[in-house]
PDB file of N, CA and C in Angstrom:
ATOM      1  N   UNK A   1      31.038  -5.920 -46.736  1.00  0.00           N
ATOM      2  CA  UNK A   1      31.771  -6.238 -47.951  1.00  0.00           C
ATOM      3  C   UNK A   1      32.850  -7.266 -47.640  1.00  0.00           C
ATOM      4  N   UNK A   2      33.000  -8.238 -48.474  1.00  0.00           N
ATOM      5  CA  UNK A   2      33.917  -9.351 -48.230  1.00  0.00           C
ATOM      6  C   UNK A   2      35.362  -8.903 -48.025  1.00  0.00           C
ATOM      7  N   UNK A   3      35.785  -7.853 -48.663  1.00  0.00           N
ATOM      8  CA  UNK A   3      37.177  -7.417 -48.527  1.00  0.00           C
ATOM      9  C   UNK A   3      37.504  -6.956 -47.106  1.00  0.00           C
ATOM     10  N   UNK A   4      36.478  -6.597 -46.352  1.00  0.00           N
ATOM     11  CA  UNK A   4      36.684  -6.148 -44.979  1.00  0.00           C
ATOM     12  C   UNK A   4      36.406  -7.251 -43.961  1.00  0.00           C
ATOM     13  N   UNK A   5      35.959  -8.414 -44.424  1.00  0.00           N
ATOM     14  CA  UNK A   5      35.637  -9.513 -43.520  1.00  0.00           C
ATOM     15  C   UNK A   5      36.890 -10.250 -43.062  1.00  0.00           C
ATOM     16  N   UNK A   6      36.836 -10.690 -41.825  1.00  0.00           N
ATOM     17  CA  UNK A   6      37.847 -11.561 -41.244  1.00  0.00           C
ATOM     18  C   UNK A   6      37.171 -12.901 -40.988  1.00  0.00           C
ATOM     19  N   UNK A   7      37.877 -13.992 -41.245  1.00  0.00           N
ATOM     20  CA  UNK A   7      37.276 -15.322 -41.170  1.00  0.00           C
ATOM     21  C   UNK A   7      37.926 -16.188 -40.108  1.00  0.00           C
ATOM     22  N   UNK A   8      37.114 -16.986 -39.459  1.00  0.00           N
ATOM     23  CA  UNK A   8      37.587 -18.060 -38.604  1.00  0.00           C
ATOM     24  C   UNK A   8      36.818 -19.312 -39.011  1.00  0.00           C
ATOM     25  N   UNK A   9      37.383 -20.475 -38.752  1.00  0.00           N
ATOM     26  CA  UNK A   9      36.774 -21.709 -39.242  1.00  0.00           C
ATOM     27  C   UNK A   9      36.675 -22.735 -38.117  1.00  0.00           C
ATOM     28  N   UNK A  10      35.515 -23.336 -38.037  1.00  0.00           N
ATOM     29  CA  UNK A  10      35.242 -24.405 -37.076  1.00  0.00           C
ATOM     30  C   UNK A  10      35.020 -25.703 -37.843  1.00  0.00           C
ATOM     31  N   UNK A  11      35.594 -26.773 -37.317  1.00  0.00           N
ATOM     32  CA  UNK A  11      35.359 -28.091 -37.918  1.00  0.00           C
ATOM     33  C   UNK A  11      34.169 -28.741 -37.219  1.00  0.00           C
ATOM     34  N   UNK A  12      33.517 -29.631 -37.925  1.00  0.00           N
ATOM     35  CA  UNK A  12      32.377 -30.364 -37.382  1.00  0.00           C
ATOM     36  C   UNK A  12      32.909 -31.640 -36.742  1.00  0.00           C
ATOM     37  N   UNK A  13      32.725 -31.813 -35.440  1.00  0.00           N
ATOM     38  CA  UNK A  13      33.274 -33.011 -34.788  1.00  0.00           C
ATOM     39  C   UNK A  13      32.628 -34.309 -35.263  1.00  0.00           C
ATOM     40  N   UNK A  14      31.467 -34.202 -35.915  1.00  0.00           N
ATOM     41  CA  UNK A  14      30.764 -35.393 -36.382  1.00  0.00           C
ATOM     42  C   UNK A  14      30.938 -35.663 -37.872  1.00  0.00           C
ATOM     43  N   UNK A  15      31.609 -34.739 -38.594  1.00  0.00           N
ATOM     44  CA  UNK A  15      31.774 -34.889 -40.040  1.00  0.00           C
ATOM     45  C   UNK A  15      33.084 -34.218 -40.458  1.00  0.00           C
ATOM     46  N   UNK A  16      34.088 -35.016 -40.755  1.00  0.00           N
ATOM     47  CA  UNK A  16      35.417 -34.491 -41.090  1.00  0.00           C
ATOM     48  C   UNK A  16      35.444 -33.679 -42.380  1.00  0.00           C
ATOM     49  N   UNK A  17      34.381 -33.735 -43.183  1.00  0.00           N
ATOM     50  CA  UNK A  17      34.322 -32.982 -44.435  1.00  0.00           C
ATOM     51  C   UNK A  17      33.453 -31.739 -44.346  1.00  0.00           C
ATOM     52  N   UNK A  18      33.033 -31.369 -43.145  1.00  0.00           N
ATOM     53  CA  UNK A  18      32.151 -30.211 -42.969  1.00  0.00           C
ATOM     54  C   UNK A  18      32.819 -29.158 -42.096  1.00  0.00           C
ATOM     55  N   UNK A  19      32.803 -27.908 -42.592  1.00  0.00           N
ATOM     56  CA  UNK A  19      33.407 -26.790 -41.879  1.00  0.00           C
ATOM     57  C   UNK A  19      32.465 -25.597 -41.906  1.00  0.00           C
ATOM     58  N   UNK A  20      32.457 -24.833 -40.834  1.00  0.00           N
ATOM     59  CA  UNK A  20      31.671 -23.609 -40.750  1.00  0.00           C
ATOM     60  C   UNK A  20      32.626 -22.435 -40.738  1.00  0.00           C
ATOM     61  N   UNK A  21      32.433 -21.520 -41.679  1.00  0.00           N
ATOM     62  CA  UNK A  21      33.260 -20.325 -41.799  1.00  0.00           C
ATOM     63  C   UNK A  21      32.437 -19.147 -41.282  1.00  0.00           C
ATOM     64  N   UNK A  22      32.933 -18.503 -40.241  1.00  0.00           N
ATOM     65  CA  UNK A  22      32.262 -17.322 -39.701  1.00  0.00           C
ATOM     66  C   UNK A  22      33.044 -16.084 -40.085  1.00  0.00           C
ATOM     67  N   UNK A  23      32.323 -15.088 -40.564  1.00  0.00           N
ATOM     68  CA  UNK A  23      32.933 -13.824 -40.959  1.00  0.00           C
ATOM     69  C   UNK A  23      32.526 -12.738 -39.973  1.00  0.00           C
ATOM     70  N   UNK A  24      33.491 -11.896 -39.607  1.00  0.00           N
ATOM     71  CA  UNK A  24      33.236 -10.752 -38.738  1.00  0.00           C
ATOM     72  C   UNK A  24      33.879  -9.521 -39.353  1.00  0.00           C
ATOM     73  N   UNK A  25      33.434  -8.350 -38.895  1.00  0.00           N
ATOM     74  CA  UNK A  25      34.099  -7.117 -39.313  1.00  0.00           C
ATOM     75  C   UNK A  25      35.223  -6.815 -38.318  1.00  0.00           C
ATOM     76  N   UNK A  26      35.893  -5.699 -38.485  1.00  0.00           N
ATOM     77  CA  UNK A  26      37.054  -5.381 -37.639  1.00  0.00           C
ATOM     78  C   UNK A  26      36.681  -5.110 -36.181  1.00  0.00           C
ATOM     79  N   UNK A  27      35.384  -4.969 -35.883  1.00  0.00           N
ATOM     80  CA  UNK A  27      34.918  -4.798 -34.510  1.00  0.00           C
ATOM     81  C   UNK A  27      34.344  -6.097 -33.942  1.00  0.00           C
ATOM     82  N   UNK A  28      34.594  -7.203 -34.617  1.00  0.00           N
ATOM     83  CA  UNK A  28      34.130  -8.531 -34.228  1.00  0.00           C
ATOM     84  C   UNK A  28      32.612  -8.687 -34.320  1.00  0.00           C
ATOM     85  N   UNK A  29      31.955  -7.863 -35.112  1.00  0.00           N
ATOM     86  CA  UNK A  29      30.525  -8.033 -35.350  1.00  0.00           C
ATOM     87  C   UNK A  29      30.336  -9.096 -36.425  1.00  0.00           C
ATOM     88  N   UNK A  30      29.505 -10.088 -36.141  1.00  0.00           N
ATOM     89  CA  UNK A  30      29.263 -11.169 -37.100  1.00  0.00           C
ATOM     90  C   UNK A  30      28.624 -10.596 -38.360  1.00  0.00           C
ATOM     91  N   UNK A  31      29.149 -10.979 -39.532  1.00  0.00           N
ATOM     92  CA  UNK A  31      28.587 -10.495 -40.794  1.00  0.00           C
ATOM     93  C   UNK A  31      27.964 -11.615 -41.622  1.00  0.00           C
ATOM     94  N   UNK A  32      28.599 -12.795 -41.645  1.00  0.00           N
ATOM     95  CA  UNK A  32      28.098 -13.890 -42.475  1.00  0.00           C
ATOM     96  C   UNK A  32      28.579 -15.228 -41.928  1.00  0.00           C
ATOM     97  N   UNK A  33      27.919 -16.277 -42.364  1.00  0.00           N
ATOM     98  CA  UNK A  33      28.355 -17.646 -42.077  1.00  0.00           C
ATOM     99  C   UNK A  33      28.248 -18.437 -43.375  1.00  0.00           C
ATOM    100  N   UNK A  34      29.266 -19.237 -43.636  1.00  0.00           N
ATOM    101  CA  UNK A  34      29.288 -20.100 -44.820  1.00  0.00           C
ATOM    102  C   UNK A  34      29.542 -21.525 -44.367  1.00  0.00           C
ATOM    103  N   UNK A  35      29.016 -22.460 -45.130  1.00  0.00           N
ATOM    104  CA  UNK A  35      29.243 -23.876 -44.862  1.00  0.00           C
ATOM    105  C   UNK A  35      30.041 -24.468 -46.012  1.00  0.00           C
ATOM    106  N   UNK A  36      31.090 -25.208 -45.665  1.00  0.00           N
ATOM    107  CA  UNK A  36      31.867 -25.938 -46.664  1.00  0.00           C
ATOM    108  C   UNK A  36      31.672 -27.413 -46.369  1.00  0.00           C
ATOM    109  N   UNK A  37      31.239 -28.134 -47.371  1.00  0.00           N
ATOM    110  CA  UNK A  37      31.099 -29.573 -47.228  1.00  0.00           C
ATOM    111  C   UNK A  37      31.806 -30.221 -48.405  1.00  0.00           C
ATOM    112  N   UNK A  38      32.822 -30.993 -48.074  1.00  0.00           N
ATOM    113  CA  UNK A  38      33.632 -31.600 -49.140  1.00  0.00           C
ATOM    114  C   UNK A  38      34.341 -30.513 -49.916  1.00  0.00           C
ATOM    115  N   UNK A  39      34.088 -30.436 -51.204  1.00  0.00           N
ATOM    116  CA  UNK A  39      34.751 -29.439 -52.053  1.00  0.00           C
ATOM    117  C   UNK A  39      33.809 -28.299 -52.442  1.00  0.00           C
ATOM    118  N   UNK A  40      32.656 -28.188 -51.768  1.00  0.00           N
ATOM    119  CA  UNK A  40      31.669 -27.174 -52.137  1.00  0.00           C
ATOM    120  C   UNK A  40      31.403 -26.237 -50.958  1.00  0.00           C
ATOM    121  N   UNK A  41      31.468 -24.952 -51.244  1.00  0.00           N
ATOM    122  CA  UNK A  41      31.110 -23.911 -50.274  1.00  0.00           C
ATOM    123  C   UNK A  41      29.743 -23.370 -50.677  1.00  0.00           C
ATOM    124  N   UNK A  42      28.931 -22.972 -49.709  1.00  0.00           N
ATOM    125  CA  UNK A  42      27.599 -22.465 -50.051  1.00  0.00           C
ATOM    126  C   UNK A  42      27.583 -20.981 -50.428  1.00  0.00           C
ATOM    127  N   UNK A  43      28.754 -20.367 -50.617  1.00  0.00           N
ATOM    128  CA  UNK A  43      28.804 -18.983 -51.097  1.00  0.00           C
ATOM    129  C   UNK A  43      28.498 -18.944 -52.597  1.00  0.00           C
ATOM    130  N   UNK A  44      28.345 -17.758 -53.135  1.00  0.00           N
ATOM    131  CA  UNK A  44      27.982 -17.619 -54.553  1.00  0.00           C
ATOM    132  C   UNK A  44      29.044 -18.188 -55.491  1.00  0.00           C
ATOM    133  N   UNK A  45      30.303 -18.243 -55.041  1.00  0.00           N
ATOM    134  CA  UNK A  45      31.386 -18.778 -55.883  1.00  0.00           C
ATOM    135  C   UNK A  45      31.838 -20.157 -55.416  1.00  0.00           C
ATOM    136  N   UNK A  46      31.054 -20.785 -54.573  1.00  0.00           N
ATOM    137  CA  UNK A  46      31.455 -22.023 -53.920  1.00  0.00           C
ATOM    138  C   UNK A  46      31.719 -23.211 -54.809  1.00  0.00           C
ATOM    139  N   UNK A  47      31.238 -23.183 -56.033  1.00  0.00           N
ATOM    140  CA  UNK A  47      31.533 -24.291 -56.958  1.00  0.00           C
ATOM    141  C   UNK A  47      32.929 -24.147 -57.554  1.00  0.00           C
ATOM    142  N   UNK A  48      33.523 -22.949 -57.390  1.00  0.00           N
ATOM    143  CA  UNK A  48      34.896 -22.691 -57.863  1.00  0.00           C
ATOM    144  C   UNK A  48      35.830 -22.699 -56.655  1.00  0.00           C
ATOM    145  N   UNK A  49      37.004 -22.135 -56.841  1.00  0.00           N
ATOM    146  CA  UNK A  49      38.003 -22.058 -55.779  1.00  0.00           C
ATOM    147  C   UNK A  49      37.805 -20.744 -55.038  1.00  0.00           C
ATOM    148  N   UNK A  50      36.783 -20.659 -54.183  1.00  0.00           N
ATOM    149  CA  UNK A  50      36.419 -19.420 -53.492  1.00  0.00           C
ATOM    150  C   UNK A  50      37.398 -19.092 -52.367  1.00  0.00           C
ATOM    151  N   UNK A  51      37.306 -17.882 -51.881  1.00  0.00           N
ATOM    152  CA  UNK A  51      38.186 -17.412 -50.800  1.00  0.00           C
ATOM    153  C   UNK A  51      38.006 -18.239 -49.533  1.00  0.00           C
ATOM    154  N   UNK A  52      36.807 -18.722 -49.268  1.00  0.00           N
ATOM    155  CA  UNK A  52      36.557 -19.484 -48.047  1.00  0.00           C
ATOM    156  C   UNK A  52      37.308 -20.811 -48.060  1.00  0.00           C
ATOM    157  N   UNK A  53      37.338 -21.461 -49.217  1.00  0.00           N
ATOM    158  CA  UNK A  53      38.096 -22.706 -49.333  1.00  0.00           C
ATOM    159  C   UNK A  53      39.602 -22.431 -49.253  1.00  0.00           C
ATOM    160  N   UNK A  54      40.039 -21.284 -49.745  1.00  0.00           N
ATOM    161  CA  UNK A  54      41.454 -20.921 -49.649  1.00  0.00           C
ATOM    162  C   UNK A  54      41.838 -20.640 -48.192  1.00  0.00           C
ATOM    163  N   UNK A  55      40.943 -19.976 -47.456  1.00  0.00           N
ATOM    164  CA  UNK A  55      41.194 -19.718 -46.039  1.00  0.00           C
ATOM    165  C   UNK A  55      41.194 -21.045 -45.270  1.00  0.00           C
ATOM    166  N   UNK A  56      40.323 -21.983 -45.659  1.00  0.00           N
ATOM    167  CA  UNK A  56      40.309 -23.295 -45.019  1.00  0.00           C
ATOM    168  C   UNK A  56      41.664 -23.980 -45.165  1.00  0.00           C
ATOM    169  N   UNK A  57      42.257 -23.923 -46.343  1.00  0.00           N
ATOM    170  CA  UNK A  57      43.580 -24.516 -46.557  1.00  0.00           C
ATOM    171  C   UNK A  57      44.599 -23.879 -45.618  1.00  0.00           C
ATOM    172  N   UNK A  58      44.561 -22.558 -45.489  1.00  0.00           N
ATOM    173  CA  UNK A  58      45.490 -21.843 -44.599  1.00  0.00           C
ATOM    174  C   UNK A  58      45.300 -22.277 -43.146  1.00  0.00           C
ATOM    175  N   UNK A  59      44.046 -22.330 -42.697  1.00  0.00           N
ATOM    176  CA  UNK A  59      43.781 -22.708 -41.313  1.00  0.00           C
ATOM    177  C   UNK A  59      44.200 -24.147 -41.035  1.00  0.00           C
ATOM    178  N   UNK A  60      43.973 -25.048 -41.980  1.00  0.00           N
ATOM    179  CA  UNK A  60      44.409 -26.438 -41.801  1.00  0.00           C
ATOM    180  C   UNK A  60      45.933 -26.510 -41.729  1.00  0.00           C
ATOM    181  N   UNK A  61      46.591 -25.832 -42.662  1.00  0.00           N
ATOM    182  CA  UNK A  61      48.059 -25.864 -42.724  1.00  0.00           C
ATOM    183  C   UNK A  61      48.681 -25.328 -41.442  1.00  0.00           C
ATOM    184  N   UNK A  62      48.101 -24.259 -40.914  1.00  0.00           N
ATOM    185  CA  UNK A  62      48.647 -23.633 -39.707  1.00  0.00           C
ATOM    186  C   UNK A  62      48.017 -24.174 -38.423  1.00  0.00           C
ATOM    187  N   UNK A  63      47.208 -25.215 -38.561  1.00  0.00           N
ATOM    188  CA  UNK A  63      46.557 -25.870 -37.425  1.00  0.00           C
ATOM    189  C   UNK A  63      45.782 -24.872 -36.558  1.00  0.00           C
ATOM    190  N   UNK A  64      44.936 -24.086 -37.223  1.00  0.00           N
ATOM    191  CA  UNK A  64      44.171 -23.051 -36.538  1.00  0.00           C
ATOM    192  C   UNK A  64      42.663 -23.280 -36.575  1.00  0.00           C
ATOM    193  N   UNK A  65      42.235 -24.466 -37.010  1.00  0.00           N
ATOM    194  CA  UNK A  65      40.805 -24.764 -36.965  1.00  0.00           C
ATOM    195  C   UNK A  65      40.349 -24.682 -35.509  1.00  0.00           C
ATOM    196  N   UNK A  66      39.153 -24.162 -35.300  1.00  0.00           N
ATOM    197  CA  UNK A  66      38.559 -24.055 -33.963  1.00  0.00           C
ATOM    198  C   UNK A  66      39.328 -23.113 -33.033  1.00  0.00           C
ATOM    199  N   UNK A  67      40.107 -22.222 -33.594  1.00  0.00           N
ATOM    200  CA  UNK A  67      40.835 -21.240 -32.791  1.00  0.00           C
ATOM    201  C   UNK A  67      40.019 -19.945 -32.733  1.00  0.00           C
ATOM    202  N   UNK A  68      40.515 -18.988 -32.021  1.00  0.00           N
ATOM    203  CA  UNK A  68      39.883 -17.666 -31.992  1.00  0.00           C
ATOM    204  C   UNK A  68      40.642 -16.684 -32.878  1.00  0.00           C
ATOM    205  N   UNK A  69      41.314 -17.204 -33.893  1.00  0.00           N
ATOM    206  CA  UNK A  69      42.052 -16.362 -34.836  1.00  0.00           C
ATOM    207  C   UNK A  69      41.149 -16.021 -36.019  1.00  0.00           C
ATOM    208  N   UNK A  70      41.282 -14.795 -36.513  1.00  0.00           N
ATOM    209  CA  UNK A  70      40.489 -14.313 -37.645  1.00  0.00           C
ATOM    210  C   UNK A  70      41.425 -13.759 -38.707  1.00  0.00           C
ATOM    211  N   UNK A  71      41.275 -14.228 -39.951  1.00  0.00           N
ATOM    212  CA  UNK A  71      42.156 -13.881 -41.064  1.00  0.00           C
ATOM    213  C   UNK A  71      41.392 -13.098 -42.119  1.00  0.00           C
ATOM    214  N   UNK A  72      41.999 -12.010 -42.608  1.00  0.00           N
ATOM    215  CA  UNK A  72      41.437 -11.261 -43.724  1.00  0.00           C
ATOM    216  C   UNK A  72      42.154 -11.712 -44.982  1.00  0.00           C
ATOM    217  N   UNK A  73      41.409 -12.308 -45.886  1.00  0.00           N
ATOM    218  CA  UNK A  73      41.962 -12.877 -47.113  1.00  0.00           C
ATOM    219  C   UNK A  73      42.583 -11.810 -48.001  1.00  0.00           C
ATOM    220  N   UNK A  74      41.906 -10.678 -48.187  1.00  0.00           N
ATOM    221  CA  UNK A  74      42.381  -9.646 -49.105  1.00  0.00           C
ATOM    222  C   UNK A  74      43.533  -8.829 -48.535  1.00  0.00           C
ATOM    223  N   UNK A  75      43.471  -8.534 -47.250  1.00  0.00           N
ATOM    224  CA  UNK A  75      44.519  -7.727 -46.614  1.00  0.00           C
ATOM    225  C   UNK A  75      45.690  -8.572 -46.145  1.00  0.00           C
ATOM    226  N   UNK A  76      45.484  -9.888 -46.132  1.00  0.00           N
ATOM    227  CA  UNK A  76      46.490 -10.839 -45.661  1.00  0.00           C
ATOM    228  C   UNK A  76      47.008 -10.458 -44.281  1.00  0.00           C
ATOM    229  N   UNK A  77      46.060 -10.298 -43.355  1.00  0.00           N
ATOM    230  CA  UNK A  77      46.463  -9.981 -41.988  1.00  0.00           C
ATOM    231  C   UNK A  77      45.450 -10.552 -41.007  1.00  0.00           C
ATOM    232  N   UNK A  78      45.941 -10.735 -39.787  1.00  0.00           N
ATOM    233  CA  UNK A  78      45.115 -11.258 -38.705  1.00  0.00           C
ATOM    234  C   UNK A  78      44.438 -10.120 -37.981  1.00  0.00           C
ATOM    235  N   UNK A  79      43.254 -10.378 -37.476  1.00  0.00           N
ATOM    236  CA  UNK A  79      42.556  -9.428 -36.630  1.00  0.00           C
ATOM    237  C   UNK A  79      43.125  -9.589 -35.224  1.00  0.00           C
ATOM    238  N   UNK A  80      43.499  -8.490 -34.566  1.00  0.00           N
ATOM    239  CA  UNK A  80      44.035  -8.618 -33.206  1.00  0.00           C
ATOM    240  C   UNK A  80      43.008  -9.306 -32.303  1.00  0.00           C
ATOM    241  N   UNK A  81      43.461 -10.110 -31.348  1.00  0.00           N
ATOM    242  CA  UNK A  81      42.513 -10.819 -30.475  1.00  0.00           C
ATOM    243  C   UNK A  81      41.720  -9.845 -29.610  1.00  0.00           C
ATOM    244  N   UNK A  82      40.509 -10.262 -29.274  1.00  0.00           N
ATOM    245  CA  UNK A  82      39.714  -9.481 -28.342  1.00  0.00           C
ATOM    246  C   UNK A  82      40.398  -9.476 -26.990  1.00  0.00           C
ATOM    247  N   UNK A  83      40.230  -8.400 -26.263  1.00  0.00           N
ATOM    248  CA  UNK A  83      40.836  -8.313 -24.939  1.00  0.00           C
ATOM    249  C   UNK A  83      40.352  -9.498 -24.097  1.00  0.00           C
ATOM    250  N   UNK A  84      41.287 -10.149 -23.436  1.00  0.00           N
ATOM    251  CA  UNK A  84      40.946 -11.291 -22.608  1.00  0.00           C
ATOM    252  C   UNK A  84      40.977 -12.624 -23.327  1.00  0.00           C
ATOM    253  N   UNK A  85      41.264 -12.641 -24.631  1.00  0.00           N
ATOM    254  CA  UNK A  85      41.324 -13.892 -25.382  1.00  0.00           C
ATOM    255  C   UNK A  85      42.740 -14.398 -25.577  1.00  0.00           C
ATOM    256  N   UNK A  86      43.712 -13.736 -25.005  1.00  0.00           N
ATOM    257  CA  UNK A  86      45.092 -14.183 -25.163  1.00  0.00           C
ATOM    258  C   UNK A  86      45.698 -13.691 -26.453  1.00  0.00           C
ATOM    259  N   UNK A  87      46.938 -14.196 -26.772  1.00  0.00           N
ATOM    260  CA  UNK A  87      47.656 -13.692 -27.962  1.00  0.00           C
ATOM    261  C   UNK A  87      46.996 -14.055 -29.262  1.00  0.00           C
TER     262      UNK A  87
END
């Protein structure tokens, strides 16, 4: 369920308008992957202002693209890092 998903975002080094959003659960199990290209996300709400595009804005603002940080949109909290991944 999306409310329990944590998201991290990777930028495409070959296309500045393409981003991959990976979703995991609280145990770091992969649940979904979404693609954002330009202003469109491939999720069911991607033609609107979906949560993935909102998380992208947050990651860009906080300079966290390509990091190992995972954000839960609904709970507004970070997933603690996996052991050995640093702070």
